PDB file of all heavy atoms in Angstrom:
ATOM      1  N   CYS A   1      83.809 -23.813-322.074  1.00  0.00           N
ATOM      2  CA  CYS A   1      84.976 -23.198-321.790  1.00  0.00           C
ATOM      3  C   CYS A   1      85.110 -21.850-322.525  1.00  0.00           C
ATOM      4  O   CYS A   1      86.217 -21.386-322.796  1.00  0.00           O
ATOM      5  CB  CYS A   1      86.259 -23.920-322.079  1.00  0.00           C
ATOM      6  SG  CYS A   1      86.604 -25.164-320.678  1.00  0.00           S
ATOM      7  N   GLY A   2      83.994 -21.385-323.038  1.00  0.00           N
ATOM      8  CA  GLY A   2      84.063 -19.984-323.669  1.00  0.00           C
ATOM      9  C   GLY A   2      83.992 -18.891-322.647  1.00  0.00           C
ATOM     10  O   GLY A   2      83.388 -19.133-321.477  1.00  0.00           O
ATOM     11  N   SER A   3      84.515 -17.745-322.981  1.00  0.00           N
ATOM     12  CA  SER A   3      84.366 -16.596-322.066  1.00  0.00           C
ATOM     13  C   SER A   3      84.458 -15.302-322.894  1.00  0.00           C
ATOM     14  O   SER A   3      84.178 -15.358-324.145  1.00  0.00           O
ATOM     15  CB  SER A   3      85.567 -16.640-321.009  1.00  0.00           C
ATOM     16  OG  SER A   3      85.342 -15.640-320.129  1.00  0.00           O
ATOM     17  N   ASN A   4      84.929 -14.291-322.327  1.00  0.00           N
ATOM     18  CA  ASN A   4      85.210 -13.114-323.086  1.00  0.00           C
ATOM     19  C   ASN A   4      86.334 -12.414-322.462  1.00  0.00           C
ATOM     20  O   ASN A   4      86.706 -12.599-321.326  1.00  0.00           O
ATOM     21  CB  ASN A   4      83.947 -12.146-322.992  1.00  0.00           C
ATOM     22  CG  ASN A   4      83.712 -11.654-321.684  1.00  0.00           C
ATOM     23  OD1 ASN A   4      83.640 -12.382-320.690  1.00  0.00           O
ATOM     24  ND2 ASN A   4      83.385 -10.383-321.541  1.00  0.00           N
ATOM     25  N   SER A   5      87.066 -11.613-323.301  1.00  0.00           N
ATOM     26  CA  SER A   5      88.098 -10.748-322.761  1.00  0.00           C
ATOM     27  C   SER A   5      87.500  -9.543-322.002  1.00  0.00           C
ATOM     28  O   SER A   5      86.449  -9.144-322.374  1.00  0.00           O
ATOM     29  CB  SER A   5      89.083 -10.191-323.930  1.00  0.00           C
ATOM     30  OG  SER A   5      89.729 -11.268-324.654  1.00  0.00           O
ATOM     31  N   LYS A   6      88.214  -9.082-321.065  1.00  0.00           N
ATOM     32  CA  LYS A   6      87.616  -7.977-320.286  1.00  0.00           C
ATOM     33  C   LYS A   6      88.660  -7.003-319.842  1.00  0.00           C
ATOM     34  O   LYS A   6      89.802  -7.446-319.492  1.00  0.00           O
ATOM     35  CB  LYS A   6      86.882  -8.593-319.070  1.00  0.00           C
ATOM     36  CG  LYS A   6      86.086  -7.585-318.402  1.00  0.00           C
ATOM     37  CD  LYS A   6      84.910  -8.217-317.487  1.00  0.00           C
ATOM     38  CE  LYS A   6      84.136  -7.323-316.866  1.00  0.00           C
ATOM     39  NZ  LYS A   6      83.067  -7.776-315.956  1.00  0.00           N
ATOM     40  N   GLN A   7      88.330  -5.705-319.798  1.00  0.00           N
ATOM     41  CA  GLN A   7      89.122  -4.737-319.285  1.00  0.00           C
ATOM     42  C   GLN A   7      88.601  -4.194-317.919  1.00  0.00           C
ATOM     43  O   GLN A   7      87.365  -4.079-317.766  1.00  0.00           O
ATOM     44  CB  GLN A   7      89.205  -3.527-320.223  1.00  0.00           C
ATOM     45  CG  GLN A   7      90.184  -2.463-319.885  1.00  0.00           C
ATOM     46  CD  GLN A   7      90.201  -1.287-320.772  1.00  0.00           C
ATOM     47  OE1 GLN A   7      89.454  -0.366-320.642  1.00  0.00           O
ATOM     48  NE2 GLN A   7      91.177  -1.350-321.676  1.00  0.00           N
ATOM     49  N   PHE A   8      89.509  -4.061-316.946  1.00  0.00           N
ATOM     50  CA  PHE A   8      89.137  -3.607-315.690  1.00  0.00           C
ATOM     51  C   PHE A   8      89.790  -2.222-315.364  1.00  0.00           C
ATOM     52  O   PHE A   8      90.778  -1.962-315.929  1.00  0.00           O
ATOM     53  CB  PHE A   8      89.569  -4.575-314.621  1.00  0.00           C
ATOM     54  CG  PHE A   8      88.854  -5.909-314.710  1.00  0.00           C
ATOM     55  CD1 PHE A   8      89.422  -6.873-315.333  1.00  0.00           C
ATOM     56  CD2 PHE A   8      87.682  -6.030-313.897  1.00  0.00           C
ATOM     57  CE1 PHE A   8      88.628  -8.148-315.495  1.00  0.00           C
ATOM     58  CE2 PHE A   8      86.967  -7.345-314.051  1.00  0.00           C
ATOM     59  CZ  PHE A   8      87.459  -8.399-314.820  1.00  0.00           C
ATOM     60  N   PRO A   9      89.158  -1.447-314.432  1.00  0.00           N
ATOM     61  CA  PRO A   9      89.852  -0.243-314.134  1.00  0.00           C
ATOM     62  C   PRO A   9      91.103  -0.482-313.376  1.00  0.00           C
ATOM     63  O   PRO A   9      91.305  -1.458-312.669  1.00  0.00           O
ATOM     64  CB  PRO A   9      88.817   0.478-313.101  1.00  0.00           C
ATOM     65  CG  PRO A   9      87.600  -0.247-313.194  1.00  0.00           C
ATOM     66  CD  PRO A   9      87.922  -1.687-313.703  1.00  0.00           C
ATOM     67  N   LYS A  10      92.045   0.491-313.588  1.00  0.00           N
ATOM     68  CA  LYS A  10      93.390   0.393-312.814  1.00  0.00           C
ATOM     69  C   LYS A  10      93.034   0.508-311.407  1.00  0.00           C
ATOM     70  O   LYS A  10      92.123   1.154-310.892  1.00  0.00           O
ATOM     71  CB  LYS A  10      94.293   1.543-313.226  1.00  0.00           C
ATOM     72  CG  LYS A  10      94.867   1.221-314.534  1.00  0.00           C
ATOM     73  CD  LYS A  10      95.904   2.316-314.906  1.00  0.00           C
ATOM     74  CE  LYS A  10      96.404   2.000-316.337  1.00  0.00           C
ATOM     75  NZ  LYS A  10      97.608   2.790-316.753  1.00  0.00           N
ATOM     76  N   GLY A  11      93.723  -0.261-310.516  1.00  0.00           N
ATOM     77  CA  GLY A  11      93.504  -0.250-309.148  1.00  0.00           C
ATOM     78  C   GLY A  11      92.338  -1.213-308.635  1.00  0.00           C
ATOM     79  O   GLY A  11      92.009  -1.248-307.497  1.00  0.00           O
ATOM     80  N   THR A  12      91.850  -2.098-309.555  1.00  0.00           N
ATOM     81  CA  THR A  12      90.879  -3.172-309.255  1.00  0.00           C
ATOM     82  C   THR A  12      91.453  -4.020-308.125  1.00  0.00           C
ATOM     83  O   THR A  12      92.633  -4.434-308.240  1.00  0.00           O
ATOM     84  CB  THR A  12      90.552  -3.963-310.435  1.00  0.00           C
ATOM     85  OG1 THR A  12      89.935  -3.054-311.347  1.00  0.00           O
ATOM     86  CG2 THR A  12      89.538  -5.009-310.082  1.00  0.00           C
ATOM     87  N   SER A  13      90.734  -4.226-307.089  1.00  0.00           N
ATOM     88  CA  SER A  13      91.290  -5.056-305.943  1.00  0.00           C
ATOM     89  C   SER A  13      91.147  -6.541-306.096  1.00  0.00           C
ATOM     90  O   SER A  13      91.988  -7.301-305.638  1.00  0.00           O
ATOM     91  CB  SER A  13      90.658  -4.612-304.657  1.00  0.00           C
ATOM     92  OG  SER A  13      89.223  -4.889-304.664  1.00  0.00           O
ATOM     93  N   SER A  14      90.137  -7.078-306.822  1.00  0.00           N
ATOM     94  CA  SER A  14      90.001  -8.438-307.019  1.00  0.00           C
ATOM     95  C   SER A  14      89.190  -8.665-308.231  1.00  0.00           C
ATOM     96  O   SER A  14      88.404  -7.916-308.710  1.00  0.00           O
ATOM     97  CB  SER A  14      89.353  -9.173-305.816  1.00  0.00           C
ATOM     98  OG  SER A  14      87.958  -8.809-305.666  1.00  0.00           O
ATOM     99  N   ILE A  15      89.275  -9.920-308.858  1.00  0.00           N
ATOM    100  CA  ILE A  15      88.649 -10.425-309.955  1.00  0.00           C
ATOM    101  C   ILE A  15      88.026 -11.724-309.690  1.00  0.00           C
ATOM    102  O   ILE A  15      88.705 -12.653-309.204  1.00  0.00           O
ATOM    103  CB  ILE A  15      89.480 -10.472-311.274  1.00  0.00           C
ATOM    104  CG1 ILE A  15      89.985  -9.081-311.569  1.00  0.00           C
ATOM    105  CG2 ILE A  15      88.719 -11.101-312.436  1.00  0.00           C
ATOM    106  CD1 ILE A  15      90.931  -8.965-312.698  1.00  0.00           C
ATOM    107  N   SER A  16      86.766 -11.878-309.892  1.00  0.00           N
ATOM    108  CA  SER A  16      86.148 -13.212-309.605  1.00  0.00           C
ATOM    109  C   SER A  16      85.819 -13.808-310.897  1.00  0.00           C
ATOM    110  O   SER A  16      85.609 -13.352-311.970  1.00  0.00           O
ATOM    111  CB  SER A  16      84.785 -12.917-308.692  1.00  0.00           C
ATOM    112  OG  SER A  16      83.864 -12.103-309.522  1.00  0.00           O
ATOM    113  N   PHE A  17      85.824 -15.277-310.840  1.00  0.00           N
ATOM    114  CA  PHE A  17      85.672 -16.081-311.936  1.00  0.00           C
ATOM    115  C   PHE A  17      84.554 -17.119-311.589  1.00  0.00           C
ATOM    116  O   PHE A  17      84.590 -17.620-310.432  1.00  0.00           O
ATOM    117  CB  PHE A  17      86.959 -16.934-312.280  1.00  0.00           C
ATOM    118  CG  PHE A  17      88.131 -16.065-312.594  1.00  0.00           C
ATOM    119  CD1 PHE A  17      88.947 -15.542-311.665  1.00  0.00           C
ATOM    120  CD2 PHE A  17      88.494 -15.829-313.972  1.00  0.00           C
ATOM    121  CE1 PHE A  17      90.117 -14.710-311.961  1.00  0.00           C
ATOM    122  CE2 PHE A  17      89.484 -14.947-314.232  1.00  0.00           C
ATOM    123  CZ  PHE A  17      90.338 -14.419-313.272  1.00  0.00           C
ATOM    124  N   HIS A  18      83.711 -17.391-312.509  1.00  0.00           N
ATOM    125  CA  HIS A  18      82.669 -18.423-312.263  1.00  0.00           C
ATOM    126  C   HIS A  18      82.728 -19.366-313.445  1.00  0.00           C
ATOM    127  O   HIS A  18      82.719 -18.909-314.652  1.00  0.00           O
ATOM    128  CB  HIS A  18      81.298 -17.761-312.236  1.00  0.00           C
ATOM    129  CG  HIS A  18      80.238 -18.825-312.104  1.00  0.00           C
ATOM    130  ND1 HIS A  18      79.544 -19.390-313.091  1.00  0.00           N
ATOM    131  CD2 HIS A  18      79.710 -19.306-310.923  1.00  0.00           C
ATOM    132  CE1 HIS A  18      78.652 -20.182-312.687  1.00  0.00           C
ATOM    133  NE2 HIS A  18      78.691 -20.201-311.329  1.00  0.00           N
ATOM    134  N   ALA A  19      82.652 -20.738-313.218  1.00  0.00           N
ATOM    135  CA  ALA A  19      82.713 -21.783-314.214  1.00  0.00           C
ATOM    136  C   ALA A  19      81.331 -22.551-314.227  1.00  0.00           C
ATOM    137  O   ALA A  19      80.802 -22.943-313.238  1.00  0.00           O
ATOM    138  CB  ALA A  19      83.769 -22.798-313.997  1.00  0.00           C
ATOM    139  N   ALA A  20      80.697 -22.563-315.372  1.00  0.00           N
ATOM    140  CA  ALA A  20      79.468 -23.419-315.526  1.00  0.00           C
ATOM    141  C   ALA A  20      79.782 -24.960-315.416  1.00  0.00           C
ATOM    142  O   ALA A  20      79.083 -25.713-314.759  1.00  0.00           O
ATOM    143  CB  ALA A  20      78.771 -23.199-316.819  1.00  0.00           C
ATOM    144  N   LYS A  21      80.920 -25.348-315.936  1.00  0.00           N
ATOM    145  CA  LYS A  21      81.429 -26.752-315.793  1.00  0.00           C
ATOM    146  C   LYS A  21      82.875 -26.611-315.291  1.00  0.00           C
ATOM    147  O   LYS A  21      83.521 -25.701-315.371  1.00  0.00           O
ATOM    148  CB  LYS A  21      81.468 -27.367-317.272  1.00  0.00           C
ATOM    149  CG  LYS A  21      80.191 -27.449-317.916  1.00  0.00           C
ATOM    150  CD  LYS A  21      79.450 -28.563-317.498  1.00  0.00           C
ATOM    151  CE  LYS A  21      78.180 -28.923-318.265  1.00  0.00           C
ATOM    152  NZ  LYS A  21      77.399 -30.064-317.858  1.00  0.00           N
ATOM    153  N   ALA A  22      83.339 -27.748-314.647  1.00  0.00           N
ATOM    154  CA  ALA A  22      84.533 -27.847-314.077  1.00  0.00           C
ATOM    155  C   ALA A  22      85.626 -27.492-315.110  1.00  0.00           C
ATOM    156  O   ALA A  22      85.569 -28.063-316.190  1.00  0.00           O
ATOM    157  CB  ALA A  22      84.869 -29.096-313.485  1.00  0.00           C
ATOM    158  N   CYS A  23      86.612 -26.697-314.771  1.00  0.00           N
ATOM    159  CA  CYS A  23      87.714 -26.388-315.711  1.00  0.00           C
ATOM    160  C   CYS A  23      88.933 -25.846-314.884  1.00  0.00           C
ATOM    161  O   CYS A  23      88.790 -25.627-313.694  1.00  0.00           O
ATOM    162  CB  CYS A  23      87.344 -25.449-316.824  1.00  0.00           C
ATOM    163  SG  CYS A  23      86.873 -23.762-316.169  1.00  0.00           S
ATOM    164  N   THR A  24      89.975 -25.664-315.636  1.00  0.00           N
ATOM    165  CA  THR A  24      91.039 -25.065-315.039  1.00  0.00           C
ATOM    166  C   THR A  24      91.597 -23.810-315.873  1.00  0.00           C
ATOM    167  O   THR A  24      91.638 -24.020-317.091  1.00  0.00           O
ATOM    168  CB  THR A  24      92.260 -26.068-314.916  1.00  0.00           C
ATOM    169  OG1 THR A  24      91.927 -27.141-314.065  1.00  0.00           O
ATOM    170  CG2 THR A  24      93.537 -25.301-314.327  1.00  0.00           C
ATOM    171  N   LEU A  25      91.746 -22.667-315.250  1.00  0.00           N
ATOM    172  CA  LEU A  25      92.300 -21.478-315.940  1.00  0.00           C
ATOM    173  C   LEU A  25      93.800 -21.422-315.794  1.00  0.00           C
ATOM    174  O   LEU A  25      94.319 -21.580-314.713  1.00  0.00           O
ATOM    175  CB  LEU A  25      91.606 -20.291-315.343  1.00  0.00           C
ATOM    176  CG  LEU A  25      90.139 -20.322-315.281  1.00  0.00           C
ATOM    177  CD1 LEU A  25      89.644 -18.967-314.804  1.00  0.00           C
ATOM    178  CD2 LEU A  25      89.508 -20.537-316.668  1.00  0.00           C
ATOM    179  N   THR A  26      94.542 -21.236-316.894  1.00  0.00           N
ATOM    180  CA  THR A  26      95.912 -21.135-316.847  1.00  0.00           C
ATOM    181  C   THR A  26      96.317 -19.665-317.222  1.00  0.00           C
ATOM    182  O   THR A  26      95.811 -19.228-318.251  1.00  0.00           O
ATOM    183  CB  THR A  26      96.669 -22.087-317.829  1.00  0.00           C
ATOM    184  OG1 THR A  26      96.189 -23.376-317.433  1.00  0.00           O
ATOM    185  CG2 THR A  26      98.145 -21.929-317.711  1.00  0.00           C
ATOM    186  N   PHE A  27      97.111 -19.025-316.334  1.00  0.00           N
ATOM    187  CA  PHE A  27      97.343 -17.612-316.605  1.00  0.00           C
ATOM    188  C   PHE A  27      98.789 -17.439-317.275  1.00  0.00           C
ATOM    189  O   PHE A  27      99.643 -18.064-316.966  1.00  0.00           O
ATOM    190  CB  PHE A  27      97.405 -16.829-315.302  1.00  0.00           C
ATOM    191  CG  PHE A  27      96.077 -16.912-314.547  1.00  0.00           C
ATOM    192  CD1 PHE A  27      95.923 -17.600-313.461  1.00  0.00           C
ATOM    193  CD2 PHE A  27      95.063 -16.175-315.038  1.00  0.00           C
ATOM    194  CE1 PHE A  27      94.637 -17.768-312.766  1.00  0.00           C
ATOM    195  CE2 PHE A  27      93.770 -16.174-314.501  1.00  0.00           C
ATOM    196  CZ  PHE A  27      93.586 -17.072-313.313  1.00  0.00           C
ATOM    197  N   SER A  28      98.819 -16.478-318.218  1.00  0.00           N
ATOM    198  CA  SER A  28     100.181 -16.240-318.848  1.00  0.00           C
ATOM    199  C   SER A  28     101.112 -15.407-317.993  1.00  0.00           C
ATOM    200  O   SER A  28     102.293 -15.541-318.119  1.00  0.00           O
ATOM    201  CB  SER A  28      99.892 -15.483-320.220  1.00  0.00           C
ATOM    202  OG  SER A  28      99.370 -14.266-319.944  1.00  0.00           O
ATOM    203  N   VAL A  29     100.478 -14.541-317.190  1.00  0.00           N
ATOM    204  CA  VAL A  29     101.390 -13.836-316.302  1.00  0.00           C
ATOM    205  C   VAL A  29     100.826 -13.891-314.854  1.00  0.00           C
ATOM    206  O   VAL A  29      99.870 -13.232-314.359  1.00  0.00           O
ATOM    207  CB  VAL A  29     101.291 -12.215-316.718  1.00  0.00           C
ATOM    208  CG1 VAL A  29     102.108 -11.320-315.775  1.00  0.00           C
ATOM    209  CG2 VAL A  29     101.651 -12.026-318.159  1.00  0.00           C
ATOM    210  N   PRO A  30     101.275 -14.887-314.101  1.00  0.00           N
ATOM    211  CA  PRO A  30     100.689 -15.215-312.748  1.00  0.00           C
ATOM    212  C   PRO A  30     100.943 -14.169-311.737  1.00  0.00           C
ATOM    213  O   PRO A  30     100.113 -14.026-310.785  1.00  0.00           O
ATOM    214  CB  PRO A  30     101.463 -16.435-312.302  1.00  0.00           C
ATOM    215  CG  PRO A  30     102.431 -16.852-313.351  1.00  0.00           C
ATOM    216  CD  PRO A  30     102.288 -15.888-314.558  1.00  0.00           C
ATOM    217  N   ASN A  31     101.999 -13.306-311.864  1.00  0.00           N
ATOM    218  CA  ASN A  31     102.255 -12.307-310.900  1.00  0.00           C
ATOM    219  C   ASN A  31     101.149 -11.166-310.974  1.00  0.00           C
ATOM    220  O   ASN A  31     101.250 -10.168-310.174  1.00  0.00           O
ATOM    221  CB  ASN A  31     103.677 -11.708-310.861  1.00  0.00           C
ATOM    222  CG  ASN A  31     104.039 -10.963-312.194  1.00  0.00           C
ATOM    223  OD1 ASN A  31     103.134 -10.871-313.122  1.00  0.00           O
ATOM    224  ND2 ASN A  31     105.086 -10.343-312.290  1.00  0.00           N
ATOM    225  N   CYS A  32     100.313 -11.280-311.761  1.00  0.00           N
ATOM    226  CA  CYS A  32      99.124 -10.234-311.805  1.00  0.00           C
ATOM    227  C   CYS A  32      98.336 -10.400-310.535  1.00  0.00           C
ATOM    228  O   CYS A  32      97.746  -9.465-310.006  1.00  0.00           O
ATOM    229  CB  CYS A  32      98.209 -10.489-313.008  1.00  0.00           C
ATOM    230  SG  CYS A  32      96.708  -9.515-313.153  1.00  0.00           S
ATOM    231  N   PHE A  33      98.310 -11.616-310.006  1.00  0.00           N
ATOM    232  CA  PHE A  33      97.449 -11.970-308.851  1.00  0.00           C
ATOM    233  C   PHE A  33      98.360 -12.224-307.631  1.00  0.00           C
ATOM    234  O   PHE A  33      99.443 -12.754-307.777  1.00  0.00           O
ATOM    235  CB  PHE A  33      96.571 -13.135-309.182  1.00  0.00           C
ATOM    236  CG  PHE A  33      95.626 -12.809-310.245  1.00  0.00           C
ATOM    237  CD1 PHE A  33      95.766 -13.512-311.473  1.00  0.00           C
ATOM    238  CD2 PHE A  33      94.572 -11.914-310.151  1.00  0.00           C
ATOM    239  CE1 PHE A  33      94.814 -13.267-312.439  1.00  0.00           C
ATOM    240  CE2 PHE A  33      93.635 -11.692-311.047  1.00  0.00           C
ATOM    241  CZ  PHE A  33      93.900 -12.324-312.385  1.00  0.00           C
ATOM    242  N   ALA A  34      97.879 -12.038-306.404  1.00  0.00           N
ATOM    243  CA  ALA A  34      98.535 -12.201-305.191  1.00  0.00           C
ATOM    244  C   ALA A  34      98.798 -13.761-305.098  1.00  0.00           C
ATOM    245  O   ALA A  34      97.965 -14.620-305.417  1.00  0.00           O
ATOM    246  CB  ALA A  34      97.680 -11.725-303.989  1.00  0.00           C
ATOM    247  N   GLY A  35     100.039 -14.122-304.731  1.00  0.00           N
ATOM    248  CA  GLY A  35     100.342 -15.551-304.547  1.00  0.00           C
ATOM    249  C   GLY A  35     100.892 -16.102-305.848  1.00  0.00           C
ATOM    250  O   GLY A  35     101.291 -17.269-305.823  1.00  0.00           O
ATOM    251  N   ASN A  36     100.865 -15.344-306.930  1.00  0.00           N
ATOM    252  CA  ASN A  36     101.469 -15.763-308.250  1.00  0.00           C
ATOM    253  C   ASN A  36     100.853 -17.111-308.689  1.00  0.00           C
ATOM    254  O   ASN A  36     101.604 -17.944-309.170  1.00  0.00           O
ATOM    255  CB  ASN A  36     102.965 -15.877-308.194  1.00  0.00           C
ATOM    256  CG  ASN A  36     103.539 -14.500-307.812  1.00  0.00           C
ATOM    257  OD1 ASN A  36     103.111 -13.507-308.124  1.00  0.00           O
ATOM    258  ND2 ASN A  36     104.587 -14.475-307.124  1.00  0.00           N
ATOM    259  N   PRO A  37      99.598 -17.275-308.673  1.00  0.00           N
ATOM    260  CA  PRO A  37      99.019 -18.585-309.134  1.00  0.00           C
ATOM    261  C   PRO A  37      99.184 -18.752-310.618  1.00  0.00           C
ATOM    262  O   PRO A  37      98.870 -17.742-311.443  1.00  0.00           O
ATOM    263  CB  PRO A  37      97.583 -18.461-308.830  1.00  0.00           C
ATOM    264  CG  PRO A  37      97.190 -17.076-308.914  1.00  0.00           C
ATOM    265  CD  PRO A  37      98.562 -16.293-308.436  1.00  0.00           C
ATOM    266  N   ALA A  38      99.721 -19.767-311.053  1.00  0.00           N
ATOM    267  CA  ALA A  38      99.875 -20.116-312.557  1.00  0.00           C
ATOM    268  C   ALA A  38      98.545 -20.661-313.008  1.00  0.00           C
ATOM    269  O   ALA A  38      98.404 -20.580-314.210  1.00  0.00           O
ATOM    270  CB  ALA A  38     100.980 -21.203-312.727  1.00  0.00           C
TER     271      ALA A  38
END
C-alpha cells in the first residue's frame, strides 16, 4: 500500500491508478473526480 504523492498539470482530464495487491483508496476531497467517489 505504498505510493507517492504526485503533481499533475492543470486541466488533466483523467488519472489512472494501479494496485499490485487488492486495496481501497479513500479520497479526502471526492469532488475532485467526476461522480464524487469517496
